[in-house]
Amino acid sequence: MLFLLGVLVVAVGVALSIALHEIGHLVPAKKFGVKVTQYMVGFGRTIWSRRRGETEYGIKMIPLGGYVRMIGMLPPRPGDKPGELRSVSTGRFSQMADQARADSMEEVRPGDEERVFYRLAPWKKIIIMMGGPLMNLLIAAVLLTGVITLYGLPQVAPKVGALSTCVPTAAPTLQVPQPSCRPGDPKAPSVAAGLQVGDRFVAVDGKPVTSWDQVSDAIRDSHGGSLTFVVQRDGTQRTVVVHPAVLDRATYDAQGNPVTKDGELALTTMGFLGVVPGQELVRTPLLEAPRFVWDRTLDTAGVLVRIPQKMVGIVQAAFGSGERDPNGPISVVGVGRIGGEVAAMDIPADEGGNWLKLAQLVLLIASLNLALFVFNLIPLLPLDGGHVAGALWEWLKKGWARLRHRPDPGYVDVAKGLPIAYGMSIVLIGFSVLLIYADIVKPISLFG
């Protein structure tokens, strides 16, 4: 039941995100006088609709997107009249553009000639087409800011989160950089000294401790000498003397990958205590929230840029024995599944319980909105970024003509980009179908 509830929460979040995205287009379009005939959430067969004034508002069967239908999206060729199609082109792509122009002009009724999209000033076109993506960015910013400032994010803290049971004697290798315990391995120094999960480090060798890095540095640099920790446990402070072991351990780069040298794992001699740091929720100051949102946006953009190469792994996982990349792309089916797993997690009340699950669901929906924002900025039709690119080019052409005292060059013929739009649509549909299939037969799971 909790799993289904999580899926439902994500589904509602996705639907609301799509609906608000389209409102981001609808409001400025009406503000600038463009005639909007339809506002629809979803695709396919209409399951509910109501007409308000000149606009039909509705919900369609397939909730994988939405659209706002504005009349006159494509400019006619010079001399064309509404509803007229003059077949002067012989190429297949040119005929395709001609037909699209004619279909666009068929929506223009007598009296609507000044309410078409293509007649707008370029800056108005940009505002209308950017309204959707910016709405997704706003949703993400509000959700992320709310979670990190009101609830907080887990951060590594100077306390014991888990204890190793032994000092692993197996040598680290490139295949197994972190060897596990084997029978006969000596007891971990942390266990031998009596440290317990939840102990918070207050001082080491008489120096106050405020971060896990200070604890880690002291352990790593101990070189076999003893360390005197002051830890707080159950509201009281106690002194614990530990004797870290000395091991050859793997080193890692900034991305968390093992460092190699000449094809072999690079090892460093360091102290070993057998302590895994704990985490605690830390609230972010409101003034730091914009930077956090910006960083998450850049991370999302980086993931989207790598999608084409990631799809190779998706194919290998879906149709072969490959494993899914937990940081790779997923479909709405995968997002819903993760939402269900989050809701079904068994988290004790003293560790956050339902509030932690709610925060994770909100972060999931926020991440989805960031993905919609970045994805729609791609300057290719039929995405919003393609229309924005056309408006920017028109703006530049008109401005350059004015500077050179030349005649107005007219509207940019966006219809010429329709072959690219159709090709892009086929690619997007293919990617979506593949991701949905992979999320069904080999889904990414929070728990492996």
Protein backbone atom coordinates (compact mmCIF):
# COMPACT_ATOMS: atom_id res chain seq x y z
CA MET A 1 0.00 0.00 0.00
CA LEU A 2 2.82 2.42 0.87
CA PHE A 3 4.55 1.58 -2.41
CA LEU A 4 1.40 2.45 -4.37
CA LEU A 5 1.00 5.64 -2.34
CA GLY A 6 4.55 6.68 -3.29
CA VAL A 7 3.85 5.98 -6.97
CA LEU A 8 0.64 8.03 -6.72
CA VAL A 9 2.47 10.98 -5.12
CA VAL A 10 5.06 10.98 -7.91
CA ALA A 11 2.36 10.63 -10.59
CA VAL A 12 0.47 13.62 -9.18
CA GLY A 13 3.72 15.57 -8.94
CA VAL A 14 4.55 14.80 -12.58
CA ALA A 15 1.04 15.78 -13.74
CA LEU A 16 1.14 19.05 -11.81
CA SER A 17 4.61 19.82 -13.16
CA ILE A 18 3.38 19.31 -16.73
CA ALA A 19 0.25 21.37 -16.09
CA LEU A 20 2.26 24.25 -14.62
CA HIS A 21 4.77 24.04 -17.47
CA GLU A 22 1.95 24.60 -19.95
CA ILE A 23 0.55 27.44 -17.83
CA GLY A 24 3.97 29.03 -18.21
CA HIS A 25 3.25 29.17 -21.95
CA LEU A 26 -0.48 29.94 -21.65
CA VAL A 27 -0.38 33.04 -19.45
CA PRO A 28 2.13 35.13 -21.46
CA ALA A 29 0.53 33.99 -24.75
CA LYS A 30 -2.85 35.34 -23.66
CA LYS A 31 -1.16 38.42 -22.18
CA PHE A 32 0.39 39.25 -25.58
CA GLY A 33 -2.92 38.71 -27.39
CA VAL A 34 -2.20 35.38 -29.08
CA LYS A 35 -5.32 33.29 -29.63
CA VAL A 36 -4.99 30.03 -27.68
CA THR A 37 -7.45 27.35 -28.79
CA GLN A 38 -6.36 24.48 -26.52
CA TYR A 39 -4.62 23.85 -23.20
CA MET A 40 -4.10 20.12 -22.74
CA VAL A 41 -2.28 17.98 -20.18
CA GLY A 42 -1.31 14.67 -21.75
CA PHE A 43 -1.59 13.20 -25.24
CA GLY A 44 -3.95 10.86 -27.05
CA ARG A 45 -7.68 10.62 -26.44
CA THR A 46 -9.32 13.41 -24.42
CA ILE A 47 -10.86 12.09 -21.19
CA TRP A 48 -12.11 15.44 -19.88
CA SER A 49 -12.36 18.95 -21.26
CA ARG A 50 -14.18 22.22 -20.71
CA ARG A 51 -14.32 25.32 -22.89
CA ARG A 52 -13.75 28.69 -21.26
CA GLY A 53 -14.08 31.51 -23.75
CA GLU A 54 -12.02 30.71 -26.84
CA THR A 55 -9.84 28.09 -25.11
CA GLU A 56 -10.58 24.41 -24.49
CA TYR A 57 -8.98 23.11 -21.29
CA GLY A 58 -8.61 19.35 -20.92
CA ILE A 59 -6.83 16.20 -19.78
CA LYS A 60 -5.77 13.45 -22.16
CA MET A 61 -5.20 9.76 -21.62
CA ILE A 62 -1.39 9.53 -21.85
CA PRO A 63 0.18 11.74 -19.13
CA LEU A 64 3.61 12.04 -20.77
CA GLY A 65 3.49 15.70 -21.68
CA GLY A 66 1.12 18.45 -22.69
CA TYR A 67 0.67 21.33 -25.08
CA VAL A 68 -0.81 24.77 -25.61
CA ARG A 69 -2.17 25.29 -29.13
CA MET A 70 -1.54 28.83 -30.36
CA ILE A 71 -2.75 29.85 -33.81
CA GLY A 72 -0.26 30.86 -36.47
CA MET A 73 2.85 29.27 -34.99
CA LEU A 74 4.43 29.08 -38.46
CA PRO A 75 4.68 32.11 -40.75
CA PRO A 76 3.28 31.75 -44.29
CA ARG A 77 5.32 32.29 -47.38
CA PRO A 78 4.95 35.81 -48.81
CA GLY A 79 1.69 35.96 -50.73
CA ASP A 80 0.00 33.03 -48.97
CA LYS A 81 -3.49 33.54 -47.59
CA PRO A 82 -5.11 31.76 -44.64
CA GLY A 83 -5.99 28.18 -45.59
CA GLU A 84 -4.16 28.41 -48.92
CA LEU A 85 -1.54 25.88 -49.98
CA ARG A 86 0.56 26.72 -53.01
CA SER A 87 2.65 23.73 -54.01
CA VAL A 88 5.64 25.47 -55.45
CA SER A 89 8.20 23.15 -53.79
CA THR A 90 9.22 19.82 -55.27
CA GLY A 91 11.46 18.38 -52.53
CA ARG A 92 9.92 16.07 -49.95
CA PHE A 93 11.11 18.17 -47.02
CA SER A 94 9.98 21.40 -48.69
CA GLN A 95 6.55 19.96 -49.34
CA MET A 96 6.41 18.88 -45.73
CA ALA A 97 7.13 22.46 -44.64
CA ASP A 98 4.51 23.82 -47.09
CA GLN A 99 1.85 21.49 -45.70
CA ALA A 100 2.73 22.46 -42.12
CA ARG A 101 2.41 26.15 -43.02
CA ALA A 102 -0.98 25.54 -44.58
CA ASP A 103 -2.18 23.54 -41.55
CA SER A 104 -1.03 26.36 -39.28
CA MET A 105 -2.86 29.00 -41.33
CA GLU A 106 -6.10 26.97 -41.38
CA GLU A 107 -6.58 27.84 -37.70
CA VAL A 108 -6.58 31.56 -38.51
CA ARG A 109 -10.15 32.81 -38.83
CA PRO A 110 -11.27 36.20 -40.16
CA GLY A 111 -10.40 38.76 -37.50
CA ASP A 112 -7.57 36.67 -36.05
CA GLU A 113 -4.89 37.94 -38.43
CA GLU A 114 -3.27 40.11 -35.75
CA ARG A 115 -3.50 37.41 -33.05
CA VAL A 116 -1.12 34.89 -34.59
CA PHE A 117 2.07 33.83 -32.85
CA TYR A 118 4.44 34.50 -35.74
CA ARG A 119 3.56 38.23 -35.83
CA LEU A 120 4.81 38.80 -32.29
CA ALA A 121 8.02 40.68 -31.63
CA PRO A 122 10.89 38.22 -31.10
CA TRP A 123 11.23 39.12 -27.42
CA LYS A 124 7.57 38.25 -26.86
CA LYS A 125 8.05 34.89 -28.58
CA ILE A 126 11.01 34.19 -26.32
CA ILE A 127 9.02 35.03 -23.19
CA ILE A 128 6.16 32.74 -24.25
CA MET A 129 8.38 29.79 -25.14
CA MET A 130 10.64 30.22 -22.10
CA GLY A 131 7.61 30.45 -19.81
CA GLY A 132 7.27 26.65 -19.64
CA PRO A 133 10.89 25.76 -18.81
CA LEU A 134 11.16 28.66 -16.37
CA MET A 135 8.05 27.40 -14.61
CA ASN A 136 9.79 24.04 -14.11
CA LEU A 137 12.87 25.83 -12.80
CA LEU A 138 10.69 27.82 -10.40
CA ILE A 139 8.99 24.64 -9.14
CA ALA A 140 12.36 22.97 -8.61
CA ALA A 141 13.80 26.03 -6.87
CA VAL A 142 10.83 26.30 -4.48
CA LEU A 143 10.85 22.58 -3.64
CA LEU A 144 14.62 22.37 -3.20
CA THR A 145 14.76 25.54 -1.13
CA GLY A 146 11.94 24.33 1.07
CA VAL A 147 13.61 20.99 1.77
CA ILE A 148 17.15 22.24 2.41
CA THR A 149 16.14 25.23 4.55
CA LEU A 150 13.21 23.80 6.51
CA TYR A 151 14.14 20.12 6.77
CA GLY A 152 17.81 19.85 5.87
CA LEU A 153 20.03 17.48 3.94
CA PRO A 154 22.06 14.54 5.30
CA GLN A 155 25.69 15.49 5.75
CA VAL A 156 28.66 13.60 7.13
CA ALA A 157 29.02 14.34 10.85
CA PRO A 158 31.84 13.71 13.36
CA LYS A 159 30.10 10.71 14.89
CA VAL A 160 30.11 6.93 14.62
CA GLY A 161 27.64 5.70 12.01
CA ALA A 162 28.85 2.09 11.84
CA LEU A 163 31.74 -0.04 13.09
CA SER A 164 33.89 -2.50 11.19
CA THR A 165 34.18 -5.86 12.89
CA CYS A 166 37.79 -6.50 11.92
CA VAL A 167 41.06 -5.24 10.49
CA PRO A 168 41.00 -6.70 6.94
CA THR A 169 44.28 -8.44 6.19
CA ALA A 170 43.59 -9.08 2.49
CA ALA A 171 45.51 -6.76 0.17
CA PRO A 172 43.39 -4.26 -1.80
CA THR A 173 43.20 -4.89 -5.54
CA LEU A 174 41.78 -3.01 -8.50
CA GLN A 175 38.87 -5.45 -8.54
CA VAL A 176 38.33 -5.30 -4.74
CA PRO A 177 39.70 -1.97 -3.48
CA GLN A 178 37.96 -2.40 -0.10
CA PRO A 179 38.56 -5.98 1.13
CA SER A 180 35.97 -7.42 3.50
CA CYS A 181 36.56 -9.34 6.69
CA ARG A 182 37.72 -12.96 6.59
CA PRO A 183 37.77 -15.58 9.34
CA GLY A 184 40.75 -15.02 11.61
CA ASP A 185 41.14 -11.29 10.92
CA PRO A 186 41.93 -9.31 14.12
CA LYS A 187 39.26 -7.28 15.85
CA ALA A 188 38.88 -3.68 14.67
CA PRO A 189 40.56 -1.10 16.99
CA SER A 190 37.27 0.80 17.28
CA VAL A 191 35.48 -2.28 18.65
CA ALA A 192 38.41 -3.15 20.92
CA ALA A 193 38.40 0.37 22.40
CA GLY A 194 34.67 0.25 23.15
CA LEU A 195 33.38 2.84 20.67
CA GLN A 196 29.66 2.54 19.94
CA VAL A 197 27.37 3.58 17.11
CA GLY A 198 26.08 7.08 17.84
CA ASP A 199 29.17 8.26 19.73
CA ARG A 200 29.94 11.87 18.75
CA PHE A 201 33.59 12.93 18.64
CA VAL A 202 34.19 16.03 20.72
CA ALA A 203 38.00 16.16 20.82
CA VAL A 204 41.06 14.21 19.69
CA ASP A 205 44.32 14.45 21.63
CA GLY A 206 43.02 17.55 23.39
CA LYS A 207 41.98 19.39 20.19
CA PRO A 208 38.28 20.20 19.66
CA VAL A 209 36.57 18.37 16.76
CA THR A 210 33.88 19.99 14.63
CA SER A 211 34.01 17.93 11.43
CA TRP A 212 34.57 14.35 10.32
CA ASP A 213 37.62 15.41 8.28
CA GLN A 214 39.42 16.29 11.52
CA VAL A 215 38.72 12.82 12.90
CA SER A 216 39.69 11.12 9.65
CA ASP A 217 42.93 13.10 9.35
CA ALA A 218 43.92 12.17 12.90
CA ILE A 219 43.30 8.46 12.27
CA ARG A 220 45.08 8.45 8.91
CA ASP A 221 48.15 10.24 10.29
CA SER A 222 48.40 8.20 13.51
CA HIS A 223 51.04 5.78 12.04
CA GLY A 224 50.50 3.22 14.77
CA GLY A 225 50.46 5.64 17.71
CA SER A 226 47.55 5.86 20.14
CA LEU A 227 44.79 8.48 19.95
CA THR A 228 42.77 9.85 22.84
CA PHE A 229 39.20 10.68 21.86
CA VAL A 230 36.59 12.48 23.91
CA VAL A 231 33.17 11.27 22.77
CA GLN A 232 29.67 12.23 23.81
CA ARG A 233 27.35 9.30 24.55
CA ASP A 234 23.89 9.49 26.12
CA GLY A 235 24.41 13.10 27.17
CA THR A 236 27.73 12.50 28.92
CA GLN A 237 31.33 12.79 27.78
CA ARG A 238 33.83 10.00 28.17
CA THR A 239 37.45 9.44 27.18
CA VAL A 240 38.36 6.57 24.86
CA VAL A 241 41.95 5.60 24.03
CA VAL A 242 42.32 3.80 20.69
CA HIS A 243 45.27 2.17 18.92
CA PRO A 244 44.71 2.41 15.14
CA ALA A 245 46.14 -0.33 12.96
CA VAL A 246 48.44 0.49 10.04
CA LEU A 247 47.25 -0.65 6.60
CA ASP A 248 47.91 -0.10 2.93
CA ARG A 249 44.65 1.41 1.68
CA ALA A 250 43.33 2.42 -1.75
CA THR A 251 43.20 6.12 -2.59
CA TYR A 252 40.38 7.83 -4.48
CA ASP A 253 40.02 10.84 -6.75
CA ALA A 254 37.49 13.66 -6.43
CA GLN A 255 34.86 11.58 -8.29
CA GLY A 256 35.25 8.67 -5.87
CA ASN A 257 37.12 6.41 -8.32
CA PRO A 258 40.16 4.37 -7.18
CA VAL A 259 43.44 5.94 -8.25
CA THR A 260 45.66 3.68 -10.38
CA LYS A 261 49.30 3.81 -11.42
CA ASP A 262 50.67 1.75 -14.31
CA GLY A 263 47.46 -0.27 -14.33
CA GLU A 264 47.72 -1.14 -10.64
CA LEU A 265 45.81 0.19 -7.67
CA ALA A 266 47.66 3.06 -5.97
CA LEU A 267 48.05 2.32 -2.25
CA THR A 268 48.87 4.58 0.68
CA THR A 269 49.97 3.53 4.16
CA MET A 270 47.65 4.99 6.78
CA GLY A 271 46.04 4.40 10.13
CA PHE A 272 42.87 2.29 10.32
CA LEU A 273 40.28 2.49 13.10
CA GLY A 274 37.26 0.72 11.62
CA VAL A 275 34.74 3.56 11.91
CA VAL A 276 32.20 4.65 9.31
CA PRO A 277 31.06 8.25 9.81
CA GLY A 278 27.45 8.96 10.65
CA GLN A 279 25.16 11.49 9.05
CA GLU A 280 22.83 14.13 10.36
CA LEU A 281 20.40 16.62 8.88
CA VAL A 282 21.85 20.08 8.39
CA ARG A 283 19.69 23.01 7.32
CA THR A 284 21.05 25.30 4.63
CA PRO A 285 20.79 29.09 5.16
CA LEU A 286 18.25 30.68 2.83
CA LEU A 287 20.88 32.89 1.18
CA GLU A 288 22.83 29.79 0.11
CA ALA A 289 19.81 28.17 -1.54
CA PRO A 290 20.29 29.83 -4.98
CA ARG A 291 23.81 28.42 -5.18
CA PHE A 292 22.52 24.96 -4.26
CA VAL A 293 19.82 25.15 -6.97
CA TRP A 294 22.40 26.33 -9.52
CA ASP A 295 24.76 23.46 -8.67
CA ARG A 296 21.95 20.91 -8.99
CA THR A 297 20.99 22.44 -12.35
CA LEU A 298 24.56 22.06 -13.63
CA ASP A 299 24.61 18.46 -12.39
CA THR A 300 21.36 17.77 -14.26
CA ALA A 301 22.72 19.35 -17.43
CA GLY A 302 25.80 17.14 -17.18
CA VAL A 303 23.64 14.02 -16.94
CA LEU A 304 21.53 15.04 -19.96
CA VAL A 305 24.61 15.75 -22.07
CA ARG A 306 25.79 12.19 -21.43
CA ILE A 307 22.44 10.54 -22.25
CA PRO A 308 23.40 9.43 -25.79
CA GLN A 309 26.44 7.52 -24.52
CA LYS A 310 24.47 6.25 -21.52
CA MET A 311 21.89 4.71 -23.86
CA VAL A 312 24.47 2.12 -24.90
CA GLY A 313 24.51 0.84 -21.33
CA ILE A 314 20.71 0.95 -21.23
CA VAL A 315 20.52 -1.32 -24.30
CA GLN A 316 23.07 -3.73 -22.82
CA ALA A 317 21.12 -3.87 -19.56
CA ALA A 318 17.68 -4.20 -21.17
CA PHE A 319 18.59 -6.84 -23.74
CA GLY A 320 21.67 -8.44 -22.25
CA SER A 321 23.44 -9.15 -18.97
CA GLY A 322 24.64 -5.60 -18.33
CA GLU A 323 23.80 -3.76 -15.12
CA ARG A 324 21.87 -0.50 -14.90
CA ASP A 325 23.88 2.59 -13.99
CA PRO A 326 22.28 3.92 -10.78
CA ASN A 327 23.20 7.45 -11.93
CA GLY A 328 21.93 6.95 -15.47
CA PRO A 329 18.70 8.18 -17.09
CA ILE A 330 15.33 6.72 -16.15
CA SER A 331 11.79 7.09 -17.51
CA VAL A 332 8.67 8.24 -15.71
CA VAL A 333 8.07 4.57 -14.92
CA GLY A 334 11.42 4.42 -13.17
CA VAL A 335 10.72 7.67 -11.31
CA GLY A 336 7.42 6.24 -10.13
CA ARG A 337 9.07 3.02 -8.99
CA ILE A 338 11.69 4.92 -6.98
CA GLY A 339 8.90 6.99 -5.43
CA GLY A 340 7.19 3.76 -4.39
CA GLU A 341 10.40 2.39 -2.87
CA VAL A 342 10.94 5.61 -0.94
CA ALA A 343 7.41 5.47 0.49
CA ALA A 344 7.80 1.80 1.41
CA MET A 345 11.10 2.27 3.30
CA ASP A 346 11.00 1.12 6.92
CA ILE A 347 12.48 4.12 8.74
CA PRO A 348 12.14 4.35 12.54
CA ALA A 349 10.38 7.43 13.88
CA ASP A 350 13.50 8.54 15.76
CA GLU A 351 15.40 8.65 12.43
CA GLY A 352 12.92 10.88 10.66
CA GLY A 353 10.26 8.37 9.63
CA ASN A 354 7.56 9.81 7.39
CA TRP A 355 9.15 13.26 7.26
CA LEU A 356 12.31 11.80 5.73
CA LYS A 357 10.29 9.90 3.13
CA LEU A 358 8.27 13.00 2.29
CA ALA A 359 11.46 15.03 1.86
CA GLN A 360 12.88 12.39 -0.48
CA LEU A 361 9.71 12.38 -2.59
CA VAL A 362 9.79 16.18 -2.82
CA LEU A 363 13.46 16.07 -3.89
CA LEU A 364 12.56 13.47 -6.52
CA ILE A 365 9.87 15.72 -8.02
CA ALA A 366 12.24 18.70 -7.85
CA SER A 367 14.90 16.73 -9.75
CA LEU A 368 12.34 15.84 -12.40
CA ASN A 369 11.48 19.52 -12.87
CA LEU A 370 15.16 20.40 -13.22
CA ALA A 371 15.44 17.74 -15.92
CA LEU A 372 12.40 19.20 -17.73
CA PHE A 373 13.91 22.68 -17.52
CA VAL A 374 17.28 21.71 -18.94
CA PHE A 375 15.86 19.32 -21.54
CA ASN A 376 13.48 21.92 -22.97
CA LEU A 377 16.36 24.37 -23.45
CA ILE A 378 17.92 22.16 -26.15
CA PRO A 379 17.78 24.42 -29.26
CA LEU A 380 16.03 21.88 -31.48
CA LEU A 381 12.42 21.66 -32.58
CA PRO A 382 9.93 20.54 -31.32
CA LEU A 383 11.39 21.52 -27.95
CA ASP A 384 10.83 24.99 -26.52
CA GLY A 385 14.50 25.75 -27.06
CA GLY A 386 14.04 25.28 -30.80
CA HIS A 387 11.39 28.00 -30.94
CA VAL A 388 13.54 30.24 -28.75
CA ALA A 389 16.49 29.72 -31.11
CA GLY A 390 14.27 30.74 -34.07
CA ALA A 391 13.10 33.87 -32.25
CA LEU A 392 16.67 34.83 -31.32
CA TRP A 393 17.80 34.41 -34.93
CA GLU A 394 14.89 36.57 -36.10
CA TRP A 395 15.80 39.21 -33.52
CA LEU A 396 19.41 39.24 -34.69
CA LYS A 397 18.43 39.44 -38.38
CA LYS A 398 16.03 42.33 -37.80
CA GLY A 399 18.53 44.18 -35.60
CA TRP A 400 21.34 43.74 -38.13
CA ALA A 401 19.08 44.99 -40.92
CA ARG A 402 18.20 48.11 -38.91
CA LEU A 403 21.85 48.81 -38.20
CA ARG A 404 22.64 48.63 -41.93
CA HIS A 405 19.48 50.54 -42.88
CA ARG A 406 18.24 47.60 -44.87
CA PRO A 407 14.59 46.49 -45.36
CA ASP A 408 13.01 44.31 -42.70
CA PRO A 409 14.08 40.71 -43.54
CA GLY A 410 10.71 39.38 -42.34
CA TYR A 411 9.96 36.43 -40.12
CA VAL A 412 12.30 33.47 -39.68
CA ASP A 413 10.80 30.47 -41.45
CA VAL A 414 10.74 27.99 -38.58
CA ALA A 415 8.95 25.51 -40.85
CA LYS A 416 12.28 24.78 -42.56
CA GLY A 417 13.36 23.10 -39.33
CA LEU A 418 10.43 20.67 -39.31
CA PRO A 419 12.42 17.76 -40.81
CA ILE A 420 14.77 18.11 -37.86
CA ALA A 421 11.75 18.30 -35.56
CA TYR A 422 10.31 15.08 -36.95
CA GLY A 423 13.65 13.34 -36.68
CA MET A 424 14.10 14.62 -33.14
CA SER A 425 10.62 13.40 -32.24
CA ILE A 426 11.42 9.91 -33.51
CA VAL A 427 14.63 9.85 -31.47
CA LEU A 428 12.84 11.06 -28.33
CA ILE A 429 10.08 8.49 -28.73
CA GLY A 430 12.68 5.77 -29.25
CA PHE A 431 14.62 6.83 -26.16
CA SER A 432 11.42 6.98 -24.10
CA VAL A 433 10.24 3.52 -25.19
CA LEU A 434 13.67 2.03 -24.49
CA LEU A 435 13.90 3.62 -21.05
CA ILE A 436 10.38 2.50 -20.12
CA TYR A 437 11.19 -1.05 -21.25
CA ALA A 438 14.46 -1.05 -19.29
CA ASP A 439 12.69 0.30 -16.19
CA ILE A 440 10.25 -2.61 -16.42
CA VAL A 441 12.60 -5.54 -17.14
CA LYS A 442 15.68 -4.29 -15.25
CA PRO A 443 14.77 -1.33 -13.05
CA ILE A 444 17.09 0.78 -10.95
CA SER A 445 16.41 0.03 -7.30
CA LEU A 446 17.30 2.06 -4.23
CA PHE A 447 18.34 -1.13 -2.49
CA GLY A 448 20.17 -2.85 -5.35
